[in-house]
Amino acid sequence: MKKYLILTSLLLLFHLGVYSQSEEKKPKFEIHTTPLTMVDYTPRLRVGVEYQKSDKFAYGLDFGLGNHFLNQFRLQDDAKNKYRFWEVRPELKYYFMNSNNPVSLYCAAELFYLNTSSTIYDDHFYPESASTAIVYDRAGFQKQKMGAHLKAGLKIVANNRFSLDFYFGGGIAHRKVNYTHIVNPRTEEFVETNEEWGLGTKKEGNMSLFHVTLGFKVGYIF
């Protein structure tokens, strides 16, 4: 059985090598940015790269960073210097049309991980296993979100250099919220109308939810 697996693996590698040689073409390398993230509820700068070696498949990797300067309109003055956000998004694309076509439809699978941390003053949260709120003078806040999207998109290329990539999709996300280093905690009754829809971040613990993605990328191809 072990010899059979080794032989099968070698035959598969040989087949992929022959296929890649027959499909050999000049690779395309693209850098891009996603403008709409700058006007999101949590504004951040997101940039990325895409590598395409064949007509059909491309590999992408996006990074996003946010700080107090980009989010100053919604942060408390005391918390501005302690806000941090970062994200990473690997992606696999399949193009339905030849890469030389200036307009291409594609589908994609994307993984994502987002991490937010900050210090919050004079607020409250709900512990994972309690119905009453904890009010505090100061607390450390951390939110992690990870999941996967299935996407569809339309990519337009001008002069073989400039690209405009529209996409939309949906998937599942897992969110984890933690509050730490709580100063002067006490219990109090609150009614949060948005928590039952998973829109807020005052509920500590884990939650799975449906996640939507929508936007466009502007890029330059080398």
C-alpha atoms as a PDB file:
ATOM      1  CA  MET A   1       0.000   0.000   0.000  1.00  0.00           C
ATOM      2  CA  LYS A   2       2.804   2.430   0.877  1.00  0.00           C
ATOM      3  CA  LYS A   3       4.529   1.775  -2.479  1.00  0.00           C
ATOM      4  CA  TYR A   4       1.218   2.269  -4.275  1.00  0.00           C
ATOM      5  CA  LEU A   5       0.688   5.648  -2.595  1.00  0.00           C
ATOM      6  CA  ILE A   6       4.213   6.763  -3.481  1.00  0.00           C
ATOM      7  CA  LEU A   7       3.742   5.689  -7.115  1.00  0.00           C
ATOM      8  CA  THR A   8       0.372   7.448  -7.314  1.00  0.00           C
ATOM      9  CA  SER A   9       1.884  10.638  -5.870  1.00  0.00           C
ATOM     10  CA  LEU A  10       4.756  10.551  -8.398  1.00  0.00           C
ATOM     11  CA  LEU A  11       2.331  10.036 -11.299  1.00  0.00           C
ATOM     12  CA  LEU A  12       0.206  12.926 -10.058  1.00  0.00           C
ATOM     13  CA  LEU A  13       3.221  15.217  -9.776  1.00  0.00           C
ATOM     14  CA  PHE A  14       4.338  14.197 -13.272  1.00  0.00           C
ATOM     15  CA  HIS A  15       0.862  14.940 -14.641  1.00  0.00           C
ATOM     16  CA  LEU A  16       0.787  18.352 -12.957  1.00  0.00           C
ATOM     17  CA  GLY A  17       4.249  19.133 -14.308  1.00  0.00           C
ATOM     18  CA  VAL A  18       3.256  18.251 -17.875  1.00  0.00           C
ATOM     19  CA  TYR A  19       0.000  20.197 -17.529  1.00  0.00           C
ATOM     20  CA  SER A  20       1.755  23.261 -16.151  1.00  0.00           C
ATOM     21  CA  GLN A  21       4.269  23.188 -19.015  1.00  0.00           C
ATOM     22  CA  SER A  22       1.531  22.901 -21.615  1.00  0.00           C
ATOM     23  CA  GLU A  23      -0.334  25.760 -19.951  1.00  0.00           C
ATOM     24  CA  GLU A  24       2.791  27.833 -19.331  1.00  0.00           C
ATOM     25  CA  LYS A  25       2.258  31.559 -19.713  1.00  0.00           C
ATOM     26  CA  LYS A  26       3.732  34.734 -18.366  1.00  0.00           C
ATOM     27  CA  PRO A  27       2.631  35.117 -14.707  1.00  0.00           C
ATOM     28  CA  LYS A  28       0.718  38.203 -13.633  1.00  0.00           C
ATOM     29  CA  PHE A  29       1.400  39.952 -10.349  1.00  0.00           C
ATOM     30  CA  GLU A  30      -1.023  42.574  -9.052  1.00  0.00           C
ATOM     31  CA  ILE A  31      -1.055  44.952  -6.108  1.00  0.00           C
ATOM     32  CA  HIS A  32      -4.386  46.425  -5.056  1.00  0.00           C
ATOM     33  CA  THR A  33      -6.300  48.296  -2.386  1.00  0.00           C
ATOM     34  CA  THR A  34      -9.913  48.126  -1.192  1.00  0.00           C
ATOM     35  CA  PRO A  35     -11.208  51.734  -0.861  1.00  0.00           C
ATOM     36  CA  LEU A  36     -14.516  51.000   0.896  1.00  0.00           C
ATOM     37  CA  THR A  37     -12.762  49.736   4.026  1.00  0.00           C
ATOM     38  CA  MET A  38     -11.770  53.343   4.728  1.00  0.00           C
ATOM     39  CA  VAL A  39     -15.444  54.304   5.191  1.00  0.00           C
ATOM     40  CA  ASP A  40     -16.462  51.158   7.106  1.00  0.00           C
ATOM     41  CA  TYR A  41     -17.786  51.331  10.684  1.00  0.00           C
ATOM     42  CA  THR A  42     -14.248  50.326  11.707  1.00  0.00           C
ATOM     43  CA  PRO A  43     -12.127  52.178   9.111  1.00  0.00           C
ATOM     44  CA  ARG A  44      -8.850  50.516   8.112  1.00  0.00           C
ATOM     45  CA  LEU A  45      -6.393  50.481   5.254  1.00  0.00           C
ATOM     46  CA  ARG A  46      -6.518  47.192   3.328  1.00  0.00           C
ATOM     47  CA  VAL A  47      -3.955  46.327   0.648  1.00  0.00           C
ATOM     48  CA  GLY A  48      -3.127  43.071  -1.056  1.00  0.00           C
ATOM     49  CA  VAL A  49      -1.486  41.117  -3.839  1.00  0.00           C
ATOM     50  CA  GLU A  50      -2.711  38.635  -6.432  1.00  0.00           C
ATOM     51  CA  TYR A  51      -0.570  36.128  -8.313  1.00  0.00           C
ATOM     52  CA  GLN A  52      -1.911  34.489 -11.476  1.00  0.00           C
ATOM     53  CA  LYS A  53       0.200  31.927 -13.320  1.00  0.00           C
ATOM     54  CA  SER A  54      -2.500  30.226 -15.414  1.00  0.00           C
ATOM     55  CA  ASP A  55      -5.603  31.403 -17.254  1.00  0.00           C
ATOM     56  CA  LYS A  56      -7.933  29.982 -14.639  1.00  0.00           C
ATOM     57  CA  PHE A  57      -6.424  30.142 -11.162  1.00  0.00           C
ATOM     58  CA  ALA A  58      -5.117  33.047  -9.101  1.00  0.00           C
ATOM     59  CA  TYR A  59      -3.960  33.341  -5.486  1.00  0.00           C
ATOM     60  CA  GLY A  60      -4.519  36.426  -3.382  1.00  0.00           C
ATOM     61  CA  LEU A  61      -3.494  37.689   0.038  1.00  0.00           C
ATOM     62  CA  ASP A  62      -4.868  40.866   1.656  1.00  0.00           C
ATOM     63  CA  PHE A  63      -3.789  42.621   4.858  1.00  0.00           C
ATOM     64  CA  GLY A  64      -5.661  45.325   6.763  1.00  0.00           C
ATOM     65  CA  LEU A  65      -4.540  47.689   9.519  1.00  0.00           C
ATOM     66  CA  GLY A  66      -6.531  50.147  11.607  1.00  0.00           C
ATOM     67  CA  ASN A  67      -5.485  52.575  14.348  1.00  0.00           C
ATOM     68  CA  HIS A  68      -6.754  55.424  16.505  1.00  0.00           C
ATOM     69  CA  PHE A  69      -6.178  58.019  13.774  1.00  0.00           C
ATOM     70  CA  LEU A  70      -8.504  56.284  11.286  1.00  0.00           C
ATOM     71  CA  ASN A  71     -11.124  55.669  13.994  1.00  0.00           C
ATOM     72  CA  GLN A  72     -10.926  58.894  15.980  1.00  0.00           C
ATOM     73  CA  PHE A  73     -14.449  60.025  15.064  1.00  0.00           C
ATOM     74  CA  ARG A  74     -16.026  57.120  16.996  1.00  0.00           C
ATOM     75  CA  LEU A  75     -13.548  56.503  19.846  1.00  0.00           C
ATOM     76  CA  GLN A  76     -13.514  58.032  23.298  1.00  0.00           C
ATOM     77  CA  ASP A  77     -10.656  60.486  23.788  1.00  0.00           C
ATOM     78  CA  ASP A  78      -9.035  58.363  26.497  1.00  0.00           C
ATOM     79  CA  ALA A  79      -9.174  55.224  24.331  1.00  0.00           C
ATOM     80  CA  LYS A  80      -7.816  56.581  21.051  1.00  0.00           C
ATOM     81  CA  ASN A  81      -4.182  55.688  21.665  1.00  0.00           C
ATOM     82  CA  LYS A  82      -5.035  52.123  22.702  1.00  0.00           C
ATOM     83  CA  TYR A  83      -7.080  51.009  19.680  1.00  0.00           C
ATOM     84  CA  ARG A  84      -5.552  48.334  17.408  1.00  0.00           C
ATOM     85  CA  PHE A  85      -6.990  46.433  14.451  1.00  0.00           C
ATOM     86  CA  TRP A  86      -5.467  43.999  11.953  1.00  0.00           C
ATOM     87  CA  GLU A  87      -6.780  41.425   9.494  1.00  0.00           C
ATOM     88  CA  VAL A  88      -5.513  38.850   6.989  1.00  0.00           C
ATOM     89  CA  ARG A  89      -7.455  37.347   4.052  1.00  0.00           C
ATOM     90  CA  PRO A  90      -6.024  34.571   1.817  1.00  0.00           C
ATOM     91  CA  GLU A  91      -8.051  33.837  -1.321  1.00  0.00           C
ATOM     92  CA  LEU A  92      -8.231  31.353  -4.199  1.00  0.00           C
ATOM     93  CA  LYS A  93      -9.870  32.548  -7.446  1.00  0.00           C
ATOM     94  CA  TYR A  94     -11.162  30.670 -10.468  1.00  0.00           C
ATOM     95  CA  TYR A  95     -11.647  32.723 -13.648  1.00  0.00           C
ATOM     96  CA  PHE A  96     -14.298  31.548 -16.117  1.00  0.00           C
ATOM     97  CA  MET A  97     -12.756  33.458 -19.036  1.00  0.00           C
ATOM     98  CA  ASN A  98      -9.322  33.666 -20.606  1.00  0.00           C
ATOM     99  CA  SER A  99      -7.020  35.988 -18.693  1.00  0.00           C
ATOM    100  CA  ASN A 100      -6.405  38.013 -21.870  1.00  0.00           C
ATOM    101  CA  ASN A 101     -10.068  39.014 -21.852  1.00  0.00           C
ATOM    102  CA  PRO A 102     -10.439  42.578 -20.450  1.00  0.00           C
ATOM    103  CA  VAL A 103     -13.639  41.562 -18.627  1.00  0.00           C
ATOM    104  CA  SER A 104     -13.616  38.349 -16.560  1.00  0.00           C
ATOM    105  CA  LEU A 105     -16.160  36.680 -14.314  1.00  0.00           C
ATOM    106  CA  TYR A 106     -14.817  34.608 -11.441  1.00  0.00           C
ATOM    107  CA  CYS A 107     -15.714  32.738  -8.281  1.00  0.00           C
ATOM    108  CA  ALA A 108     -13.529  32.660  -5.182  1.00  0.00           C
ATOM    109  CA  ALA A 109     -13.067  31.108  -1.763  1.00  0.00           C
ATOM    110  CA  GLU A 110     -11.733  33.414   0.946  1.00  0.00           C
ATOM    111  CA  LEU A 111     -10.631  32.805   4.519  1.00  0.00           C
ATOM    112  CA  PHE A 112     -10.434  35.715   6.945  1.00  0.00           C
ATOM    113  CA  TYR A 113      -9.181  36.548  10.423  1.00  0.00           C
ATOM    114  CA  LEU A 114      -9.798  39.894  12.176  1.00  0.00           C
ATOM    115  CA  ASN A 115      -8.423  41.034  15.519  1.00  0.00           C
ATOM    116  CA  THR A 116      -9.535  44.155  17.392  1.00  0.00           C
ATOM    117  CA  SER A 117      -8.292  45.373  20.782  1.00  0.00           C
ATOM    118  CA  SER A 118      -8.857  48.592  22.717  1.00  0.00           C
ATOM    119  CA  THR A 119      -9.404  50.095  26.149  1.00  0.00           C
ATOM    120  CA  ILE A 120     -12.959  51.254  26.903  1.00  0.00           C
ATOM    121  CA  TYR A 121     -14.069  53.633  29.666  1.00  0.00           C
ATOM    122  CA  ASP A 122     -17.358  53.975  31.575  1.00  0.00           C
ATOM    123  CA  ASP A 123     -19.365  51.323  29.768  1.00  0.00           C
ATOM    124  CA  HIS A 124     -20.844  47.868  30.311  1.00  0.00           C
ATOM    125  CA  PHE A 125     -20.899  44.319  28.909  1.00  0.00           C
ATOM    126  CA  TYR A 126     -22.777  41.045  29.400  1.00  0.00           C
ATOM    127  CA  PRO A 127     -20.779  38.088  30.773  1.00  0.00           C
ATOM    128  CA  GLU A 128     -21.150  34.886  28.786  1.00  0.00           C
ATOM    129  CA  SER A 129     -23.312  33.079  31.347  1.00  0.00           C
ATOM    130  CA  ALA A 130     -25.245  35.959  32.927  1.00  0.00           C
ATOM    131  CA  SER A 131     -28.259  38.081  32.019  1.00  0.00           C
ATOM    132  CA  THR A 132     -27.281  41.142  34.046  1.00  0.00           C
ATOM    133  CA  ALA A 133     -24.695  43.604  32.782  1.00  0.00           C
ATOM    134  CA  ILE A 134     -21.329  44.392  34.325  1.00  0.00           C
ATOM    135  CA  VAL A 135     -20.726  48.137  34.526  1.00  0.00           C
ATOM    136  CA  TYR A 136     -17.112  49.290  34.775  1.00  0.00           C
ATOM    137  CA  ASP A 137     -14.891  52.349  34.874  1.00  0.00           C
ATOM    138  CA  ARG A 138     -12.287  50.856  32.539  1.00  0.00           C
ATOM    139  CA  ALA A 139     -11.785  47.517  30.752  1.00  0.00           C
ATOM    140  CA  GLY A 140      -9.634  45.930  28.091  1.00  0.00           C
ATOM    141  CA  PHE A 141     -11.628  44.758  25.059  1.00  0.00           C
ATOM    142  CA  GLN A 142     -10.647  42.166  22.455  1.00  0.00           C
ATOM    143  CA  LYS A 143     -12.663  40.786  19.552  1.00  0.00           C
ATOM    144  CA  GLN A 144     -11.544  38.016  17.200  1.00  0.00           C
ATOM    145  CA  LYS A 145     -13.475  37.011  14.116  1.00  0.00           C
ATOM    146  CA  MET A 146     -12.613  34.199  11.717  1.00  0.00           C
ATOM    147  CA  GLY A 147     -14.471  32.452   8.942  1.00  0.00           C
ATOM    148  CA  ALA A 148     -14.842  31.794   5.234  1.00  0.00           C
ATOM    149  CA  HIS A 149     -16.618  33.390   2.277  1.00  0.00           C
ATOM    150  CA  LEU A 150     -17.736  32.109  -1.108  1.00  0.00           C
ATOM    151  CA  LYS A 151     -17.602  35.018  -3.546  1.00  0.00           C
ATOM    152  CA  ALA A 152     -18.515  35.934  -7.103  1.00  0.00           C
ATOM    153  CA  GLY A 153     -16.914  38.814  -8.936  1.00  0.00           C
ATOM    154  CA  LEU A 154     -16.302  40.767 -12.100  1.00  0.00           C
ATOM    155  CA  LYS A 155     -12.796  41.987 -12.964  1.00  0.00           C
ATOM    156  CA  ILE A 156     -12.134  44.684 -15.565  1.00  0.00           C
ATOM    157  CA  VAL A 157      -8.603  45.274 -16.880  1.00  0.00           C
ATOM    158  CA  ALA A 158      -7.588  48.369 -18.861  1.00  0.00           C
ATOM    159  CA  ASN A 159      -4.390  48.607 -20.925  1.00  0.00           C
ATOM    160  CA  ASN A 160      -3.203  45.322 -19.369  1.00  0.00           C
ATOM    161  CA  ARG A 161      -2.179  47.343 -16.316  1.00  0.00           C
ATOM    162  CA  PHE A 162      -5.089  48.792 -14.349  1.00  0.00           C
ATOM    163  CA  SER A 163      -7.751  46.604 -12.765  1.00  0.00           C
ATOM    164  CA  LEU A 164     -11.141  47.167 -11.172  1.00  0.00           C
ATOM    165  CA  ASP A 165     -12.467  44.153  -9.278  1.00  0.00           C
ATOM    166  CA  PHE A 166     -16.104  44.075  -8.055  1.00  0.00           C
ATOM    167  CA  TYR A 167     -17.133  41.258  -5.707  1.00  0.00           C
ATOM    168  CA  PHE A 168     -19.879  40.069  -3.383  1.00  0.00           C
ATOM    169  CA  GLY A 169     -20.497  36.950  -1.339  1.00  0.00           C
ATOM    170  CA  GLY A 170     -21.369  35.401   1.967  1.00  0.00           C
ATOM    171  CA  GLY A 171     -20.260  32.808   4.467  1.00  0.00           C
ATOM    172  CA  ILE A 172     -19.970  31.843   8.107  1.00  0.00           C
ATOM    173  CA  ALA A 173     -18.008  33.673  10.802  1.00  0.00           C
ATOM    174  CA  HIS A 174     -17.091  32.749  14.362  1.00  0.00           C
ATOM    175  CA  ARG A 175     -16.750  35.697  16.743  1.00  0.00           C
ATOM    176  CA  LYS A 176     -15.113  35.692  20.181  1.00  0.00           C
ATOM    177  CA  VAL A 177     -15.354  38.693  22.543  1.00  0.00           C
ATOM    178  CA  ASN A 178     -13.308  39.068  25.759  1.00  0.00           C
ATOM    179  CA  TYR A 179     -13.219  41.743  28.453  1.00  0.00           C
ATOM    180  CA  THR A 180     -10.174  41.833  30.763  1.00  0.00           C
ATOM    181  CA  HIS A 181      -8.507  44.058  33.395  1.00  0.00           C
ATOM    182  CA  ILE A 182     -11.885  45.363  34.565  1.00  0.00           C
ATOM    183  CA  VAL A 183     -11.713  48.326  36.947  1.00  0.00           C
ATOM    184  CA  ASN A 184     -14.521  48.839  39.515  1.00  0.00           C
ATOM    185  CA  PRO A 185     -17.009  46.242  38.176  1.00  0.00           C
ATOM    186  CA  ARG A 186     -20.631  46.206  39.407  1.00  0.00           C
ATOM    187  CA  THR A 187     -23.847  44.638  38.174  1.00  0.00           C
ATOM    188  CA  GLU A 188     -26.734  46.555  36.646  1.00  0.00           C
ATOM    189  CA  GLU A 189     -29.790  45.896  34.447  1.00  0.00           C
ATOM    190  CA  PHE A 190     -29.581  46.978  30.793  1.00  0.00           C
ATOM    191  CA  VAL A 191     -31.709  46.324  27.712  1.00  0.00           C
ATOM    192  CA  GLU A 192     -29.719  45.999  24.488  1.00  0.00           C
ATOM    193  CA  THR A 193     -31.958  45.911  21.397  1.00  0.00           C
ATOM    194  CA  ASN A 194     -29.167  45.114  18.956  1.00  0.00           C
ATOM    195  CA  GLU A 195     -27.518  42.236  20.813  1.00  0.00           C
ATOM    196  CA  GLU A 196     -30.068  39.606  19.789  1.00  0.00           C
ATOM    197  CA  TRP A 197     -29.094  40.206  16.153  1.00  0.00           C
ATOM    198  CA  GLY A 198     -25.390  39.854  16.869  1.00  0.00           C
ATOM    199  CA  LEU A 199     -24.687  43.445  15.838  1.00  0.00           C
ATOM    200  CA  GLY A 200     -23.046  44.567  19.067  1.00  0.00           C
ATOM    201  CA  THR A 201     -19.898  43.532  20.855  1.00  0.00           C
ATOM    202  CA  LYS A 202     -21.065  43.910  24.459  1.00  0.00           C
ATOM    203  CA  LYS A 203     -21.929  40.200  24.766  1.00  0.00           C
ATOM    204  CA  GLU A 204     -18.865  38.332  25.987  1.00  0.00           C
ATOM    205  CA  GLY A 205     -18.168  34.854  24.647  1.00  0.00           C
ATOM    206  CA  ASN A 206     -18.472  32.994  21.349  1.00  0.00           C
ATOM    207  CA  MET A 207     -21.009  33.438  18.590  1.00  0.00           C
ATOM    208  CA  SER A 208     -21.421  32.025  15.068  1.00  0.00           C
ATOM    209  CA  LEU A 209     -23.153  34.190  12.501  1.00  0.00           C
ATOM    210  CA  PHE A 210     -23.799  34.631   8.802  1.00  0.00           C
ATOM    211  CA  HIS A 211     -21.310  37.041   7.248  1.00  0.00           C
ATOM    212  CA  VAL A 212     -21.613  39.138   4.073  1.00  0.00           C
ATOM    213  CA  THR A 213     -18.833  40.686   1.998  1.00  0.00           C
ATOM    214  CA  LEU A 214     -19.251  43.348  -0.682  1.00  0.00           C
ATOM    215  CA  GLY A 215     -16.875  45.820  -2.304  1.00  0.00           C
ATOM    216  CA  PHE A 216     -14.344  46.510  -5.009  1.00  0.00           C
ATOM    217  CA  LYS A 217     -10.569  46.585  -5.438  1.00  0.00           C
ATOM    218  CA  VAL A 218      -8.433  48.955  -7.485  1.00  0.00           C
ATOM    219  CA  GLY A 219      -5.165  47.461  -8.684  1.00  0.00           C
ATOM    220  CA  TYR A 220      -2.077  47.725 -10.846  1.00  0.00           C
ATOM    221  CA  ILE A 221      -0.737  44.706 -12.765  1.00  0.00           C
ATOM    222  CA  PHE A 222       2.980  44.114 -13.380  1.00  0.00           C
END
